[in-house]
């Protein structure tokens, strides 16, 4: 099974909870999976993984977090061609535009977007949300 990295940015802990559940699901599927905050890994290091699970909440006017995550993703996007990528994040308003825009950026970079869309959860993941995250991680690892 391919090595995979779960890389995320979280302000309130909601996306962090999702990341931990996704990692748990991936490991349950037998994946060699590692968890990183975006400040713990460079785009160059991330590009060494054949599979990437990227997580960022919606910020501001439904955009990726602009201080750390957006610069990281911008640098990484030039290295995504041919990689398998899954996206996730939490939001508190809007209709998910940030995720749709992010999905387009991933596919435009030549990556294979897992399930055709990202996993989004409103606010903090409840028990059902955690189950969805574990399932997402397990299915991505097996894909």
N, C-alpha and C. Protein backbone atom coordinates (compact mmCIF):
# COMPACT_ATOMS: atom_id res chain seq x y z
N UNK A 1 0.85 -1.17 0.00
CA UNK A 1 0.00 0.00 0.00
C UNK A 1 0.90 1.24 0.00
N UNK A 2 0.51 2.27 -0.76
CA UNK A 2 1.28 3.50 -0.86
C UNK A 2 1.36 4.24 0.47
N UNK A 3 2.48 4.92 0.66
CA UNK A 3 2.60 5.81 1.81
C UNK A 3 1.72 7.02 1.57
N UNK A 4 1.11 7.51 2.63
CA UNK A 4 0.31 8.71 2.48
C UNK A 4 0.55 9.66 3.63
N UNK A 5 0.36 10.94 3.34
CA UNK A 5 0.49 11.99 4.34
C UNK A 5 -0.84 12.69 4.48
N UNK A 6 -1.24 12.91 5.73
CA UNK A 6 -2.40 13.74 6.05
C UNK A 6 -1.82 15.06 6.55
N UNK A 7 -2.07 16.12 5.80
CA UNK A 7 -1.50 17.43 6.10
C UNK A 7 -2.65 18.42 6.27
N UNK A 8 -2.65 19.16 7.39
CA UNK A 8 -3.79 20.03 7.65
C UNK A 8 -3.37 21.31 8.36
N UNK A 9 -4.29 22.27 8.33
CA UNK A 9 -4.20 23.50 9.12
C UNK A 9 -5.52 23.62 9.86
N UNK A 10 -5.46 23.98 11.13
CA UNK A 10 -6.69 24.10 11.92
C UNK A 10 -6.54 25.27 12.88
N UNK A 11 -7.59 26.06 12.98
CA UNK A 11 -7.58 27.19 13.91
C UNK A 11 -8.31 26.84 15.20
N UNK A 12 -9.47 26.22 15.08
CA UNK A 12 -10.30 25.94 16.26
C UNK A 12 -10.24 24.49 16.72
N UNK A 13 -9.62 23.63 15.92
CA UNK A 13 -9.53 22.21 16.27
C UNK A 13 -10.50 21.34 15.49
N UNK A 14 -11.44 21.93 14.76
CA UNK A 14 -12.40 21.13 14.00
C UNK A 14 -11.72 20.34 12.89
N UNK A 15 -10.89 21.01 12.11
CA UNK A 15 -10.19 20.32 11.02
C UNK A 15 -9.15 19.37 11.58
N UNK A 16 -8.57 19.69 12.72
CA UNK A 16 -7.63 18.78 13.38
C UNK A 16 -8.34 17.49 13.79
N UNK A 17 -9.55 17.59 14.32
CA UNK A 17 -10.32 16.39 14.69
C UNK A 17 -10.60 15.53 13.46
N UNK A 18 -10.94 16.19 12.36
CA UNK A 18 -11.16 15.47 11.12
C UNK A 18 -9.88 14.76 10.68
N UNK A 19 -8.75 15.46 10.74
CA UNK A 19 -7.46 14.89 10.31
C UNK A 19 -7.12 13.65 11.13
N UNK A 20 -7.32 13.72 12.43
CA UNK A 20 -7.01 12.57 13.28
C UNK A 20 -7.88 11.37 12.96
N UNK A 21 -9.17 11.60 12.68
CA UNK A 21 -10.07 10.51 12.34
C UNK A 21 -9.73 9.93 10.96
N UNK A 22 -9.38 10.78 10.00
CA UNK A 22 -8.98 10.31 8.67
C UNK A 22 -7.72 9.46 8.78
N UNK A 23 -6.75 9.92 9.57
CA UNK A 23 -5.52 9.16 9.79
C UNK A 23 -5.84 7.79 10.40
N UNK A 24 -6.72 7.78 11.40
CA UNK A 24 -7.10 6.52 12.04
C UNK A 24 -7.72 5.56 11.02
N UNK A 25 -8.62 6.07 10.18
CA UNK A 25 -9.23 5.22 9.16
C UNK A 25 -8.22 4.68 8.18
N UNK A 26 -7.28 5.53 7.75
CA UNK A 26 -6.23 5.09 6.81
C UNK A 26 -5.38 3.99 7.43
N UNK A 27 -5.02 4.17 8.69
CA UNK A 27 -4.20 3.16 9.37
C UNK A 27 -4.97 1.87 9.57
N UNK A 28 -6.28 1.97 9.84
CA UNK A 28 -7.11 0.77 9.97
C UNK A 28 -7.12 -0.02 8.67
N UNK A 29 -6.98 0.69 7.54
CA UNK A 29 -6.94 0.03 6.23
C UNK A 29 -5.56 -0.52 5.91
N UNK A 30 -4.60 -0.30 6.81
CA UNK A 30 -3.26 -0.83 6.61
C UNK A 30 -2.28 0.14 5.98
N UNK A 31 -2.68 1.39 5.85
CA UNK A 31 -1.80 2.37 5.20
C UNK A 31 -0.63 2.76 6.09
N UNK A 32 0.48 3.07 5.45
CA UNK A 32 1.63 3.67 6.11
C UNK A 32 1.37 5.17 6.06
N UNK A 33 0.63 5.68 7.05
CA UNK A 33 0.14 7.06 7.02
C UNK A 33 0.78 7.88 8.13
N UNK A 34 1.09 9.14 7.80
CA UNK A 34 1.70 10.06 8.75
C UNK A 34 0.91 11.35 8.77
N UNK A 35 0.75 11.92 9.95
CA UNK A 35 0.01 13.16 10.15
C UNK A 35 0.97 14.32 10.34
N UNK A 36 0.69 15.43 9.65
CA UNK A 36 1.49 16.65 9.76
C UNK A 36 0.58 17.86 9.84
N UNK A 37 0.95 18.84 10.67
CA UNK A 37 0.34 20.16 10.49
C UNK A 37 1.09 20.78 9.31
N UNK A 38 0.50 21.75 8.68
CA UNK A 38 1.14 22.35 7.51
C UNK A 38 2.48 23.00 7.87
N UNK A 39 2.64 23.42 9.12
CA UNK A 39 3.92 24.03 9.53
C UNK A 39 5.01 23.00 9.78
N UNK A 40 4.68 21.71 9.78
CA UNK A 40 5.65 20.65 10.05
C UNK A 40 6.23 20.00 8.79
N UNK A 41 5.79 20.44 7.61
CA UNK A 41 6.25 19.80 6.38
C UNK A 41 6.34 20.85 5.27
N UNK A 42 7.31 20.69 4.41
CA UNK A 42 7.44 21.59 3.26
C UNK A 42 6.71 20.99 2.07
N UNK A 43 6.44 21.82 1.08
CA UNK A 43 5.82 21.31 -0.14
C UNK A 43 6.72 20.28 -0.82
N UNK A 44 8.02 20.51 -0.76
CA UNK A 44 8.97 19.56 -1.36
C UNK A 44 8.90 18.20 -0.66
N UNK A 45 8.82 18.21 0.67
CA UNK A 45 8.71 16.96 1.42
C UNK A 45 7.36 16.28 1.15
N UNK A 46 6.30 17.06 1.11
CA UNK A 46 4.97 16.51 0.85
C UNK A 46 4.91 15.84 -0.51
N UNK A 47 5.59 16.41 -1.48
CA UNK A 47 5.57 15.88 -2.85
C UNK A 47 6.22 14.50 -2.95
N UNK A 48 6.93 14.07 -1.91
CA UNK A 48 7.54 12.75 -1.92
C UNK A 48 6.51 11.64 -1.66
N UNK A 49 5.34 12.00 -1.17
CA UNK A 49 4.29 11.02 -0.89
C UNK A 49 3.43 10.81 -2.13
N UNK A 50 3.15 9.55 -2.50
CA UNK A 50 2.29 9.29 -3.66
C UNK A 50 0.83 9.64 -3.41
N UNK A 51 0.44 9.65 -2.13
CA UNK A 51 -0.94 9.98 -1.77
C UNK A 51 -0.93 11.08 -0.72
N UNK A 52 -1.76 12.09 -0.95
CA UNK A 52 -1.85 13.22 -0.03
C UNK A 52 -3.30 13.46 0.37
N UNK A 53 -3.52 13.64 1.66
CA UNK A 53 -4.82 14.04 2.19
C UNK A 53 -4.60 15.43 2.77
N UNK A 54 -5.24 16.43 2.18
CA UNK A 54 -5.01 17.82 2.56
C UNK A 54 -6.25 18.39 3.22
N UNK A 55 -6.07 19.04 4.37
CA UNK A 55 -7.20 19.59 5.09
C UNK A 55 -7.03 21.04 5.48
N UNK A 56 -8.06 21.83 5.20
CA UNK A 56 -8.05 23.24 5.56
C UNK A 56 -9.50 23.70 5.68
N UNK A 57 -9.82 24.46 6.72
CA UNK A 57 -11.18 24.98 6.83
C UNK A 57 -11.41 26.15 5.88
N UNK A 58 -12.66 26.48 5.70
CA UNK A 58 -13.01 27.69 4.96
C UNK A 58 -12.67 28.89 5.84
N UNK A 59 -12.06 29.88 5.25
CA UNK A 59 -11.71 31.10 5.98
C UNK A 59 -12.29 32.29 5.24
N UNK A 60 -12.48 33.38 5.95
CA UNK A 60 -12.91 34.64 5.32
C UNK A 60 -14.06 34.46 4.37
N UNK A 61 -13.85 34.87 3.14
CA UNK A 61 -14.88 34.77 2.10
C UNK A 61 -14.76 33.45 1.37
N UNK A 62 -14.74 32.35 2.15
CA UNK A 62 -14.62 30.99 1.62
C UNK A 62 -13.36 30.82 0.79
N UNK A 63 -12.22 30.96 1.46
CA UNK A 63 -10.92 30.73 0.86
C UNK A 63 -10.10 29.85 1.80
N UNK A 64 -9.00 29.30 1.30
CA UNK A 64 -8.06 28.58 2.15
C UNK A 64 -7.38 29.57 3.08
N UNK A 65 -6.94 29.09 4.24
CA UNK A 65 -6.23 29.94 5.19
C UNK A 65 -5.02 30.56 4.48
N UNK A 66 -4.88 31.88 4.57
CA UNK A 66 -3.95 32.60 3.72
C UNK A 66 -2.54 32.76 4.27
N UNK A 67 -2.33 32.58 5.57
CA UNK A 67 -1.01 32.79 6.15
C UNK A 67 -0.05 31.64 5.97
N UNK A 68 -0.54 30.41 6.17
CA UNK A 68 0.31 29.22 6.05
C UNK A 68 -0.16 28.27 4.95
N UNK A 69 -1.45 27.96 4.96
CA UNK A 69 -1.90 26.88 4.07
C UNK A 69 -1.88 27.28 2.60
N UNK A 70 -2.39 28.45 2.28
CA UNK A 70 -2.41 28.88 0.87
C UNK A 70 -1.01 28.92 0.26
N UNK A 71 -0.01 29.52 0.92
CA UNK A 71 1.34 29.49 0.33
C UNK A 71 1.87 28.06 0.17
N UNK A 72 1.62 27.20 1.15
CA UNK A 72 2.03 25.80 1.06
C UNK A 72 1.37 25.14 -0.14
N UNK A 73 0.04 25.29 -0.27
CA UNK A 73 -0.67 24.63 -1.36
C UNK A 73 -0.24 25.19 -2.72
N UNK A 74 -0.04 26.49 -2.80
CA UNK A 74 0.40 27.09 -4.06
C UNK A 74 1.72 26.48 -4.52
N UNK A 75 2.65 26.32 -3.58
CA UNK A 75 3.94 25.71 -3.92
C UNK A 75 3.77 24.22 -4.26
N UNK A 76 2.93 23.53 -3.52
CA UNK A 76 2.71 22.10 -3.75
C UNK A 76 1.99 21.82 -5.06
N UNK A 77 1.10 22.72 -5.47
CA UNK A 77 0.25 22.43 -6.63
C UNK A 77 1.04 22.13 -7.89
N UNK A 78 2.21 22.70 -8.04
CA UNK A 78 3.06 22.41 -9.20
C UNK A 78 3.68 21.02 -9.16
N UNK A 79 3.49 20.32 -8.05
CA UNK A 79 4.07 18.98 -7.88
C UNK A 79 2.99 17.90 -7.75
N UNK A 80 1.75 18.24 -8.04
CA UNK A 80 0.63 17.30 -7.84
C UNK A 80 0.32 16.41 -9.04
N UNK A 81 0.89 16.70 -10.18
CA UNK A 81 0.56 15.93 -11.39
C UNK A 81 0.75 14.43 -11.17
N UNK A 82 -0.31 13.67 -11.38
CA UNK A 82 -0.26 12.22 -11.27
C UNK A 82 -0.45 11.69 -9.86
N UNK A 83 -0.50 12.55 -8.86
CA UNK A 83 -0.68 12.10 -7.47
C UNK A 83 -2.16 11.88 -7.16
N UNK A 84 -2.39 11.03 -6.18
CA UNK A 84 -3.73 10.83 -5.66
C UNK A 84 -3.91 11.79 -4.48
N UNK A 85 -4.97 12.59 -4.54
CA UNK A 85 -5.19 13.63 -3.54
C UNK A 85 -6.62 13.57 -3.03
N UNK A 86 -6.76 13.68 -1.71
CA UNK A 86 -8.08 13.80 -1.07
C UNK A 86 -8.09 15.11 -0.29
N UNK A 87 -9.23 15.78 -0.28
CA UNK A 87 -9.37 17.07 0.39
C UNK A 87 -10.43 16.99 1.47
N UNK A 88 -10.22 17.75 2.55
CA UNK A 88 -11.23 17.81 3.61
C UNK A 88 -11.12 19.13 4.35
N UNK A 89 -12.18 19.47 5.06
CA UNK A 89 -12.16 20.66 5.88
C UNK A 89 -13.51 20.95 6.50
N UNK A 90 -13.49 21.85 7.45
CA UNK A 90 -14.72 22.26 8.12
C UNK A 90 -15.07 23.68 7.68
N UNK A 91 -16.32 24.03 7.89
CA UNK A 91 -16.77 25.38 7.55
C UNK A 91 -17.88 25.79 8.52
N UNK A 92 -18.11 27.08 8.61
CA UNK A 92 -19.14 27.56 9.51
C UNK A 92 -20.17 28.43 8.82
N UNK A 93 -19.95 28.73 7.55
CA UNK A 93 -20.86 29.58 6.79
C UNK A 93 -20.67 29.26 5.32
N UNK A 94 -21.48 29.86 4.48
CA UNK A 94 -21.33 29.67 3.05
C UNK A 94 -21.90 28.34 2.57
N UNK A 95 -21.56 28.01 1.35
CA UNK A 95 -22.12 26.80 0.74
C UNK A 95 -21.07 25.82 0.24
N UNK A 96 -19.82 25.99 0.68
CA UNK A 96 -18.76 25.07 0.26
C UNK A 96 -17.98 25.54 -0.95
N UNK A 97 -18.11 26.81 -1.29
CA UNK A 97 -17.41 27.33 -2.47
C UNK A 97 -15.90 27.13 -2.37
N UNK A 98 -15.35 27.29 -1.16
CA UNK A 98 -13.89 27.12 -0.99
C UNK A 98 -13.46 25.72 -1.40
N UNK A 99 -14.29 24.71 -1.09
CA UNK A 99 -13.94 23.34 -1.44
C UNK A 99 -14.05 23.12 -2.95
N UNK A 100 -15.10 23.64 -3.56
CA UNK A 100 -15.24 23.50 -5.02
C UNK A 100 -14.07 24.16 -5.74
N UNK A 101 -13.68 25.35 -5.29
CA UNK A 101 -12.54 26.03 -5.91
C UNK A 101 -11.25 25.23 -5.72
N UNK A 102 -11.08 24.67 -4.53
CA UNK A 102 -9.89 23.88 -4.22
C UNK A 102 -9.85 22.61 -5.06
N UNK A 103 -10.98 21.96 -5.21
CA UNK A 103 -11.07 20.76 -6.05
C UNK A 103 -10.64 21.06 -7.48
N UNK A 104 -11.10 22.19 -8.00
CA UNK A 104 -10.74 22.59 -9.36
C UNK A 104 -9.24 22.81 -9.47
N UNK A 105 -8.65 23.45 -8.48
CA UNK A 105 -7.21 23.68 -8.48
C UNK A 105 -6.43 22.37 -8.48
N UNK A 106 -6.91 21.39 -7.73
CA UNK A 106 -6.24 20.09 -7.64
C UNK A 106 -6.32 19.37 -8.99
N UNK A 107 -7.48 19.32 -9.58
CA UNK A 107 -7.62 18.62 -10.86
C UNK A 107 -6.89 19.38 -11.98
N UNK A 108 -6.92 20.72 -11.93
CA UNK A 108 -6.18 21.50 -12.93
C UNK A 108 -4.67 21.25 -12.83
N UNK A 109 -4.20 20.86 -11.64
CA UNK A 109 -2.77 20.56 -11.45
C UNK A 109 -2.42 19.15 -11.92
N UNK A 110 -3.41 18.39 -12.38
CA UNK A 110 -3.15 17.06 -12.92
C UNK A 110 -3.24 15.93 -11.90
N UNK A 111 -3.73 16.22 -10.71
CA UNK A 111 -3.87 15.19 -9.68
C UNK A 111 -5.17 14.42 -9.88
N UNK A 112 -5.21 13.23 -9.31
CA UNK A 112 -6.43 12.42 -9.29
C UNK A 112 -7.14 12.73 -7.99
N UNK A 113 -8.26 13.44 -8.07
CA UNK A 113 -9.02 13.83 -6.89
C UNK A 113 -9.88 12.67 -6.42
N UNK A 114 -9.67 12.25 -5.18
CA UNK A 114 -10.40 11.14 -4.59
C UNK A 114 -11.89 11.44 -4.52
N UNK A 115 -12.69 10.53 -4.97
CA UNK A 115 -14.16 10.56 -4.95
C UNK A 115 -14.76 11.73 -5.70
N UNK A 116 -13.93 12.48 -6.42
CA UNK A 116 -14.45 13.58 -7.20
C UNK A 116 -14.78 14.81 -6.40
N UNK A 117 -14.72 14.72 -5.08
CA UNK A 117 -15.00 15.89 -4.24
C UNK A 117 -14.36 15.71 -2.87
N UNK A 118 -14.32 16.78 -2.13
CA UNK A 118 -13.74 16.72 -0.80
C UNK A 118 -14.79 16.43 0.26
N UNK A 119 -14.32 16.14 1.44
CA UNK A 119 -15.19 15.89 2.59
C UNK A 119 -15.28 17.18 3.39
N UNK A 120 -16.50 17.69 3.55
CA UNK A 120 -16.69 18.90 4.35
C UNK A 120 -17.69 18.62 5.47
N UNK A 121 -17.41 19.23 6.61
CA UNK A 121 -18.28 19.09 7.78
C UNK A 121 -18.52 20.48 8.35
N UNK A 122 -19.77 20.77 8.65
CA UNK A 122 -20.13 22.04 9.24
C UNK A 122 -19.74 22.06 10.70
N UNK A 123 -18.92 23.06 11.07
CA UNK A 123 -18.44 23.24 12.45
C UNK A 123 -17.64 22.03 12.93
N UNK A 124 -17.82 21.65 14.20
CA UNK A 124 -17.08 20.52 14.78
C UNK A 124 -17.72 19.21 14.35
N UNK A 125 -16.92 18.21 14.00
CA UNK A 125 -17.50 16.92 13.63
C UNK A 125 -18.14 16.24 14.84
N UNK A 126 -19.41 15.82 14.69
CA UNK A 126 -20.07 15.05 15.73
C UNK A 126 -19.70 13.59 15.54
N UNK A 127 -20.33 12.69 16.29
CA UNK A 127 -19.97 11.27 16.19
C UNK A 127 -20.14 10.75 14.76
N UNK A 128 -21.22 11.14 14.09
CA UNK A 128 -21.42 10.71 12.70
C UNK A 128 -20.34 11.29 11.79
N UNK A 129 -19.94 12.53 12.07
CA UNK A 129 -18.89 13.15 11.28
C UNK A 129 -17.55 12.43 11.44
N UNK A 130 -17.25 12.02 12.65
CA UNK A 130 -16.01 11.26 12.90
C UNK A 130 -16.04 9.94 12.15
N UNK A 131 -17.19 9.28 12.16
CA UNK A 131 -17.35 8.03 11.41
C UNK A 131 -17.12 8.28 9.92
N UNK A 132 -17.68 9.38 9.41
CA UNK A 132 -17.49 9.72 7.99
C UNK A 132 -16.02 9.97 7.68
N UNK A 133 -15.32 10.63 8.59
CA UNK A 133 -13.90 10.90 8.39
C UNK A 133 -13.08 9.60 8.38
N UNK A 134 -13.36 8.71 9.31
CA UNK A 134 -12.65 7.43 9.34
C UNK A 134 -12.90 6.66 8.05
N UNK A 135 -14.14 6.64 7.60
CA UNK A 135 -14.50 5.95 6.35
C UNK A 135 -13.76 6.57 5.17
N UNK A 136 -13.70 7.90 5.14
CA UNK A 136 -13.00 8.64 4.08
C UNK A 136 -11.53 8.21 4.04
N UNK A 137 -10.89 8.18 5.22
CA UNK A 137 -9.48 7.78 5.29
C UNK A 137 -9.26 6.34 4.87
N UNK A 138 -10.16 5.47 5.32
CA UNK A 138 -10.05 4.04 4.99
C UNK A 138 -10.20 3.82 3.49
N UNK A 139 -11.20 4.47 2.89
CA UNK A 139 -11.45 4.30 1.46
C UNK A 139 -10.33 4.90 0.61
N UNK A 140 -9.81 6.06 1.04
CA UNK A 140 -8.72 6.67 0.28
C UNK A 140 -7.47 5.79 0.34
N UNK A 141 -7.19 5.25 1.51
CA UNK A 141 -6.01 4.39 1.66
C UNK A 141 -6.11 3.16 0.77
N UNK A 142 -7.30 2.63 0.62
CA UNK A 142 -7.51 1.41 -0.18
C UNK A 142 -7.59 1.72 -1.67
N UNK A 143 -7.74 2.97 -2.04
CA UNK A 143 -7.93 3.38 -3.43
C UNK A 143 -6.62 3.38 -4.21
